Amino acid sequence: MAGTKITVNTNGSLRVEGDFEIVDKDGNQYDLGGRTLVSICRCGRSNNKPFCDGSHRGHFEHEAVAFDLPPKK
């Protein structure tokens, strides 16, 4: 089974690549048209939510730097 990689882009989207599916709140699957790479909106400005359309440019700031989460409770 191929893995899934999610990249948190600085000032931008979440890039999802590999073997994955995306479903809505009711479990209905989005038809990704065979794509193995999509970008998910983080800023809320996209007209194509949940997918990124580039609307964040100049309107969204977040420095993507990895860190360790605290232990699970």
PDB file of N, CA and C in Angstrom:
ATOM      1  N   MET A   1       0.847  -1.188   0.000  1.00  0.00           N
ATOM      2  CA  MET A   1       0.000   0.000   0.000  1.00  0.00           C
ATOM      3  C   MET A   1       0.889   1.246   0.000  1.00  0.00           C
ATOM      4  N   ALA A   2       0.597   2.149  -0.895  1.00  0.00           N
ATOM      5  CA  ALA A   2       1.346   3.406  -0.963  1.00  0.00           C
ATOM      6  C   ALA A   2       0.931   4.313   0.184  1.00  0.00           C
ATOM      7  N   GLY A   3       1.839   5.135   0.640  1.00  0.00           N
ATOM      8  CA  GLY A   3       1.564   6.028   1.753  1.00  0.00           C
ATOM      9  C   GLY A   3       0.941   7.332   1.312  1.00  0.00           C
ATOM     10  N   THR A   4       0.558   8.109   2.296  1.00  0.00           N
ATOM     11  CA  THR A   4       0.009   9.439   2.079  1.00  0.00           C
ATOM     12  C   THR A   4       0.923  10.440   2.746  1.00  0.00           C
ATOM     13  N   LYS A   5       1.223  11.518   2.052  1.00  0.00           N
ATOM     14  CA  LYS A   5       2.058  12.578   2.596  1.00  0.00           C
ATOM     15  C   LYS A   5       1.244  13.866   2.578  1.00  0.00           C
ATOM     16  N   ILE A   6       1.215  14.568   3.731  1.00  0.00           N
ATOM     17  CA  ILE A   6       0.545  15.862   3.832  1.00  0.00           C
ATOM     18  C   ILE A   6       1.610  16.893   4.163  1.00  0.00           C
ATOM     19  N   THR A   7       1.724  17.901   3.304  1.00  0.00           N
ATOM     20  CA  THR A   7       2.694  18.971   3.502  1.00  0.00           C
ATOM     21  C   THR A   7       1.955  20.245   3.863  1.00  0.00           C
ATOM     22  N   VAL A   8       2.325  20.855   4.997  1.00  0.00           N
ATOM     23  CA  VAL A   8       1.747  22.129   5.414  1.00  0.00           C
ATOM     24  C   VAL A   8       2.592  23.225   4.754  1.00  0.00           C
ATOM     25  N   ASN A   9       2.023  23.913   3.789  1.00  0.00           N
ATOM     26  CA  ASN A   9       2.744  24.955   3.066  1.00  0.00           C
ATOM     27  C   ASN A   9       2.719  26.271   3.826  1.00  0.00           C
ATOM     28  N   THR A  10       3.858  26.943   3.892  1.00  0.00           N
ATOM     29  CA  THR A  10       3.911  28.270   4.491  1.00  0.00           C
ATOM     30  C   THR A  10       2.987  29.200   3.702  1.00  0.00           C
ATOM     31  N   ASN A  11       2.150  29.953   4.410  1.00  0.00           N
ATOM     32  CA  ASN A  11       1.216  30.909   3.801  1.00  0.00           C
ATOM     33  C   ASN A  11       0.323  30.269   2.741  1.00  0.00           C
ATOM     34  N   GLY A  12      -0.037  29.001   2.931  1.00  0.00           N
ATOM     35  CA  GLY A  12      -0.838  28.364   1.898  1.00  0.00           C
ATOM     36  C   GLY A  12      -1.568  27.124   2.363  1.00  0.00           C
ATOM     37  N   SER A  13      -1.778  26.258   1.417  1.00  0.00           N
ATOM     38  CA  SER A  13      -2.648  25.100   1.565  1.00  0.00           C
ATOM     39  C   SER A  13      -1.966  23.918   2.241  1.00  0.00           C
ATOM     40  N   LEU A  14      -2.761  22.870   2.414  1.00  0.00           N
ATOM     41  CA  LEU A  14      -2.252  21.552   2.793  1.00  0.00           C
ATOM     42  C   LEU A  14      -2.164  20.742   1.504  1.00  0.00           C
ATOM     43  N   ARG A  15      -0.976  20.314   1.164  1.00  0.00           N
ATOM     44  CA  ARG A  15      -0.766  19.520  -0.051  1.00  0.00           C
ATOM     45  C   ARG A  15      -0.847  18.054   0.344  1.00  0.00           C
ATOM     46  N   VAL A  16      -1.795  17.329  -0.247  1.00  0.00           N
ATOM     47  CA  VAL A  16      -2.013  15.920   0.056  1.00  0.00           C
ATOM     48  C   VAL A  16      -1.617  15.112  -1.176  1.00  0.00           C
ATOM     49  N   GLU A  17      -0.719  14.152  -0.987  1.00  0.00           N
ATOM     50  CA  GLU A  17      -0.298  13.346  -2.126  1.00  0.00           C
ATOM     51  C   GLU A  17      -0.122  11.892  -1.729  1.00  0.00           C
ATOM     52  N   GLY A  18      -0.364  11.020  -2.680  1.00  0.00           N
ATOM     53  CA  GLY A  18      -0.224   9.591  -2.437  1.00  0.00           C
ATOM     54  C   GLY A  18      -1.538   8.866  -2.622  1.00  0.00           C
ATOM     55  N   ASP A  19      -1.768   7.898  -1.732  1.00  0.00           N
ATOM     56  CA  ASP A  19      -2.971   7.074  -1.775  1.00  0.00           C
ATOM     57  C   ASP A  19      -3.925   7.567  -0.692  1.00  0.00           C
ATOM     58  N   PHE A  20      -5.015   8.210  -1.074  1.00  0.00           N
ATOM     59  CA  PHE A  20      -5.939   8.783  -0.099  1.00  0.00           C
ATOM     60  C   PHE A  20      -7.328   8.913  -0.709  1.00  0.00           C
ATOM     61  N   GLU A  21      -8.296   9.138   0.152  1.00  0.00           N
ATOM     62  CA  GLU A  21      -9.644   9.511  -0.270  1.00  0.00           C
ATOM     63  C   GLU A  21     -10.067  10.689   0.590  1.00  0.00           C
ATOM     64  N   ILE A  22     -10.952  11.514   0.055  1.00  0.00           N
ATOM     65  CA  ILE A  22     -11.487  12.647   0.802  1.00  0.00           C
ATOM     66  C   ILE A  22     -12.998  12.509   0.809  1.00  0.00           C
ATOM     67  N   VAL A  23     -13.590  12.589   2.002  1.00  0.00           N
ATOM     68  CA  VAL A  23     -15.035  12.447   2.135  1.00  0.00           C
ATOM     69  C   VAL A  23     -15.621  13.670   2.833  1.00  0.00           C
ATOM     70  N   ASP A  24     -16.911  13.911   2.597  1.00  0.00           N
ATOM     71  CA  ASP A  24     -17.603  15.017   3.269  1.00  0.00           C
ATOM     72  C   ASP A  24     -18.095  14.558   4.636  1.00  0.00           C
ATOM     73  N   LYS A  25     -18.809  15.427   5.340  1.00  0.00           N
ATOM     74  CA  LYS A  25     -19.259  15.140   6.704  1.00  0.00           C
ATOM     75  C   LYS A  25     -20.175  13.922   6.789  1.00  0.00           C
ATOM     76  N   ASP A  26     -20.808  13.564   5.670  1.00  0.00           N
ATOM     77  CA  ASP A  26     -21.702  12.409   5.654  1.00  0.00           C
ATOM     78  C   ASP A  26     -21.019  11.143   5.136  1.00  0.00           C
ATOM     79  N   GLY A  27     -19.731  11.235   4.851  1.00  0.00           N
ATOM     80  CA  GLY A  27     -18.998  10.076   4.361  1.00  0.00           C
ATOM     81  C   GLY A  27     -19.022   9.903   2.856  1.00  0.00           C
ATOM     82  N   ASN A  28     -19.624  10.871   2.129  1.00  0.00           N
ATOM     83  CA  ASN A  28     -19.661  10.800   0.672  1.00  0.00           C
ATOM     84  C   ASN A  28     -18.296  11.182   0.111  1.00  0.00           C
ATOM     85  N   GLN A  29     -17.811  10.368  -0.808  1.00  0.00           N
ATOM     86  CA  GLN A  29     -16.476  10.555  -1.351  1.00  0.00           C
ATOM     87  C   GLN A  29     -16.471  11.591  -2.467  1.00  0.00           C
ATOM     88  N   TYR A  30     -15.482  12.506  -2.422  1.00  0.00           N
ATOM     89  CA  TYR A  30     -15.264  13.444  -3.519  1.00  0.00           C
ATOM     90  C   TYR A  30     -14.649  12.678  -4.683  1.00  0.00           C
ATOM     91  N   ASP A  31     -15.102  12.963  -5.897  1.00  0.00           N
ATOM     92  CA  ASP A  31     -14.502  12.376  -7.095  1.00  0.00           C
ATOM     93  C   ASP A  31     -13.282  13.215  -7.447  1.00  0.00           C
ATOM     94  N   LEU A  32     -12.109  12.674  -7.240  1.00  0.00           N
ATOM     95  CA  LEU A  32     -10.866  13.402  -7.460  1.00  0.00           C
ATOM     96  C   LEU A  32     -10.340  13.250  -8.874  1.00  0.00           C
ATOM     97  N   GLY A  33     -11.105  12.595  -9.727  1.00  0.00           N
ATOM     98  CA  GLY A  33     -10.725  12.484 -11.128  1.00  0.00           C
ATOM     99  C   GLY A  33      -9.379  11.793 -11.337  1.00  0.00           C
ATOM    100  N   GLY A  34      -9.048  10.839 -10.464  1.00  0.00           N
ATOM    101  CA  GLY A  34      -7.809  10.099 -10.608  1.00  0.00           C
ATOM    102  C   GLY A  34      -6.573  10.801 -10.068  1.00  0.00           C
ATOM    103  N   ARG A  35      -6.759  11.968  -9.457  1.00  0.00           N
ATOM    104  CA  ARG A  35      -5.610  12.707  -8.926  1.00  0.00           C
ATOM    105  C   ARG A  35      -4.981  11.972  -7.743  1.00  0.00           C
ATOM    106  N   THR A  36      -3.655  12.061  -7.664  1.00  0.00           N
ATOM    107  CA  THR A  36      -2.914  11.549  -6.520  1.00  0.00           C
ATOM    108  C   THR A  36      -2.273  12.700  -5.762  1.00  0.00           C
ATOM    109  N   LEU A  37      -2.629  13.925  -6.118  1.00  0.00           N
ATOM    110  CA  LEU A  37      -2.144  15.125  -5.448  1.00  0.00           C
ATOM    111  C   LEU A  37      -3.238  16.191  -5.517  1.00  0.00           C
ATOM    112  N   VAL A  38      -3.627  16.726  -4.360  1.00  0.00           N
ATOM    113  CA  VAL A  38      -4.571  17.844  -4.293  1.00  0.00           C
ATOM    114  C   VAL A  38      -4.090  18.799  -3.201  1.00  0.00           C
ATOM    115  N   SER A  39      -4.583  20.021  -3.253  1.00  0.00           N
ATOM    116  CA  SER A  39      -4.287  20.997  -2.208  1.00  0.00           C
ATOM    117  C   SER A  39      -5.588  21.368  -1.515  1.00  0.00           C
ATOM    118  N   ILE A  40      -5.561  21.322  -0.181  1.00  0.00           N
ATOM    119  CA  ILE A  40      -6.733  21.607   0.645  1.00  0.00           C
ATOM    120  C   ILE A  40      -6.604  23.023   1.202  1.00  0.00           C
ATOM    121  N   CYS A  41      -7.679  23.792   1.115  1.00  0.00           N
ATOM    122  CA  CYS A  41      -7.714  25.176   1.599  1.00  0.00           C
ATOM    123  C   CYS A  41      -7.572  25.227   3.119  1.00  0.00           C
ATOM    124  N   ARG A  42      -6.727  26.139   3.607  1.00  0.00           N
ATOM    125  CA  ARG A  42      -6.607  26.393   5.051  1.00  0.00           C
ATOM    126  C   ARG A  42      -7.094  27.784   5.412  1.00  0.00           C
ATOM    127  N   CYS A  43      -7.203  28.677   4.439  1.00  0.00           N
ATOM    128  CA  CYS A  43      -7.501  30.082   4.744  1.00  0.00           C
ATOM    129  C   CYS A  43      -8.997  30.393   4.750  1.00  0.00           C
ATOM    130  N   GLY A  44      -9.805  29.549   4.108  1.00  0.00           N
ATOM    131  CA  GLY A  44     -11.242  29.786   4.038  1.00  0.00           C
ATOM    132  C   GLY A  44     -11.678  30.702   2.911  1.00  0.00           C
ATOM    133  N   ARG A  45     -10.758  31.163   2.068  1.00  0.00           N
ATOM    134  CA  ARG A  45     -11.090  32.103   0.991  1.00  0.00           C
ATOM    135  C   ARG A  45     -11.400  31.434  -0.345  1.00  0.00           C
ATOM    136  N   SER A  46     -11.102  30.158  -0.484  1.00  0.00           N
ATOM    137  CA  SER A  46     -11.268  29.463  -1.766  1.00  0.00           C
ATOM    138  C   SER A  46     -12.734  29.416  -2.182  1.00  0.00           C
ATOM    139  N   ASN A  47     -12.978  29.578  -3.470  1.00  0.00           N
ATOM    140  CA  ASN A  47     -14.313  29.406  -4.033  1.00  0.00           C
ATOM    141  C   ASN A  47     -14.555  27.948  -4.411  1.00  0.00           C
ATOM    142  N   ASN A  48     -13.573  27.103  -4.154  1.00  0.00           N
ATOM    143  CA  ASN A  48     -13.624  25.700  -4.524  1.00  0.00           C
ATOM    144  C   ASN A  48     -13.399  24.809  -3.299  1.00  0.00           C
ATOM    145  N   LYS A  49     -13.833  25.277  -2.100  1.00  0.00           N
ATOM    146  CA  LYS A  49     -13.620  24.528  -0.860  1.00  0.00           C
ATOM    147  C   LYS A  49     -14.195  23.121  -0.967  1.00  0.00           C
ATOM    148  N   PRO A  50     -13.526  22.137  -0.436  1.00  0.00           N
ATOM    149  CA  PRO A  50     -12.395  22.213   0.467  1.00  0.00           C
ATOM    150  C   PRO A  50     -11.052  22.341  -0.254  1.00  0.00           C
ATOM    151  N   PHE A  51     -11.062  22.454  -1.557  1.00  0.00           N
ATOM    152  CA  PHE A  51      -9.827  22.505  -2.326  1.00  0.00           C
ATOM    153  C   PHE A  51      -9.341  23.943  -2.492  1.00  0.00           C
ATOM    154  N   CYS A  52      -8.029  24.090  -2.571  1.00  0.00           N
ATOM    155  CA  CYS A  52      -7.406  25.398  -2.692  1.00  0.00           C
ATOM    156  C   CYS A  52      -7.502  25.899  -4.137  1.00  0.00           C
ATOM    157  N   ASP A  53      -7.819  27.188  -4.297  1.00  0.00           N
ATOM    158  CA  ASP A  53      -7.810  27.798  -5.628  1.00  0.00           C
ATOM    159  C   ASP A  53      -6.815  28.957  -5.717  1.00  0.00           C
ATOM    160  N   GLY A  54      -5.967  29.103  -4.685  1.00  0.00           N
ATOM    161  CA  GLY A  54      -4.950  30.150  -4.690  1.00  0.00           C
ATOM    162  C   GLY A  54      -5.411  31.477  -4.129  1.00  0.00           C
ATOM    163  N   SER A  55      -6.641  31.563  -3.644  1.00  0.00           N
ATOM    164  CA  SER A  55      -7.180  32.825  -3.119  1.00  0.00           C
ATOM    165  C   SER A  55      -6.447  33.323  -1.879  1.00  0.00           C
ATOM    166  N   HIS A  56      -5.661  32.477  -1.233  1.00  0.00           N
ATOM    167  CA  HIS A  56      -4.939  32.850  -0.015  1.00  0.00           C
ATOM    168  C   HIS A  56      -3.808  33.835  -0.290  1.00  0.00           C
ATOM    169  N   ARG A  57      -3.325  33.904  -1.497  1.00  0.00           N
ATOM    170  CA  ARG A  57      -2.141  34.716  -1.799  1.00  0.00           C
ATOM    171  C   ARG A  57      -2.321  36.148  -1.317  1.00  0.00           C
ATOM    172  N   GLY A  58      -1.430  36.548  -0.420  1.00  0.00           N
ATOM    173  CA  GLY A  58      -1.454  37.900   0.115  1.00  0.00           C
ATOM    174  C   GLY A  58      -2.459  38.123   1.228  1.00  0.00           C
ATOM    175  N   HIS A  59      -3.203  37.064   1.620  1.00  0.00           N
ATOM    176  CA  HIS A  59      -4.250  37.212   2.629  1.00  0.00           C
ATOM    177  C   HIS A  59      -4.153  36.218   3.772  1.00  0.00           C
ATOM    178  N   PHE A  60      -3.101  35.437   3.819  1.00  0.00           N
ATOM    179  CA  PHE A  60      -3.017  34.365   4.804  1.00  0.00           C
ATOM    180  C   PHE A  60      -1.559  34.205   5.210  1.00  0.00           C
ATOM    181  N   GLU A  61      -1.296  34.278   6.506  1.00  0.00           N
ATOM    182  CA  GLU A  61       0.070  34.143   6.975  1.00  0.00           C
ATOM    183  C   GLU A  61       0.178  33.045   8.018  1.00  0.00           C
ATOM    184  N   HIS A  62       1.046  32.104   7.746  1.00  0.00           N
ATOM    185  CA  HIS A  62       1.357  31.048   8.707  1.00  0.00           C
ATOM    186  C   HIS A  62       2.694  30.449   8.310  1.00  0.00           C
ATOM    187  N   GLU A  63       3.658  30.545   9.189  1.00  0.00           N
ATOM    188  CA  GLU A  63       4.975  29.954   8.950  1.00  0.00           C
ATOM    189  C   GLU A  63       4.899  28.478   9.303  1.00  0.00           C
ATOM    190  N   ALA A  64       5.018  27.624   8.313  1.00  0.00           N
ATOM    191  CA  ALA A  64       4.899  26.181   8.519  1.00  0.00           C
ATOM    192  C   ALA A  64       6.218  25.618   9.023  1.00  0.00           C
ATOM    193  N   VAL A  65       6.295  25.404  10.323  1.00  0.00           N
ATOM    194  CA  VAL A  65       7.472  24.825  10.958  1.00  0.00           C
ATOM    195  C   VAL A  65       6.995  23.676  11.841  1.00  0.00           C
ATOM    196  N   ALA A  66       7.564  22.505  11.643  1.00  0.00           N
ATOM    197  CA  ALA A  66       7.141  21.318  12.391  1.00  0.00           C
ATOM    198  C   ALA A  66       7.504  21.442  13.872  1.00  0.00           C
ATOM    199  N   PHE A  67       6.665  20.839  14.717  1.00  0.00           N
ATOM    200  CA  PHE A  67       6.924  20.793  16.159  1.00  0.00           C
ATOM    201  C   PHE A  67       6.299  19.514  16.711  1.00  0.00           C
ATOM    202  N   ASP A  68       6.680  19.151  17.911  1.00  0.00           N
ATOM    203  CA  ASP A  68       6.160  17.950  18.551  1.00  0.00           C
ATOM    204  C   ASP A  68       4.895  18.290  19.338  1.00  0.00           C
ATOM    205  N   LEU A  69       3.865  17.479  19.153  1.00  0.00           N
ATOM    206  CA  LEU A  69       2.647  17.625  19.951  1.00  0.00           C
ATOM    207  C   LEU A  69       2.906  17.113  21.362  1.00  0.00           C
ATOM    208  N   PRO A  70       2.184  17.632  22.360  1.00  0.00           N
ATOM    209  CA  PRO A  70       2.330  17.076  23.703  1.00  0.00           C
ATOM    210  C   PRO A  70       1.799  15.650  23.742  1.00  0.00           C
ATOM    211  N   PRO A  71       2.179  14.873  24.749  1.00  0.00           N
ATOM    212  CA  PRO A  71       1.688  13.491  24.845  1.00  0.00           C
ATOM    213  C   PRO A  71       0.164  13.421  24.865  1.00  0.00           C
ATOM    214  N   LYS A  72      -0.374  12.338  24.301  1.00  0.00           N
ATOM    215  CA  LYS A  72      -1.826  12.092  24.339  1.00  0.00           C
ATOM    216  C   LYS A  72      -2.292  11.929  25.770  1.00  0.00           C
ATOM    217  N   LYS A  73      -3.455  12.455  26.067  1.00  0.00           N
ATOM    218  CA  LYS A  73      -4.032  12.308  27.418  1.00  0.00           C
ATOM    219  C   LYS A  73      -4.824  11.043  27.505  1.00  0.00           C
TER     220      LYS A  73
END
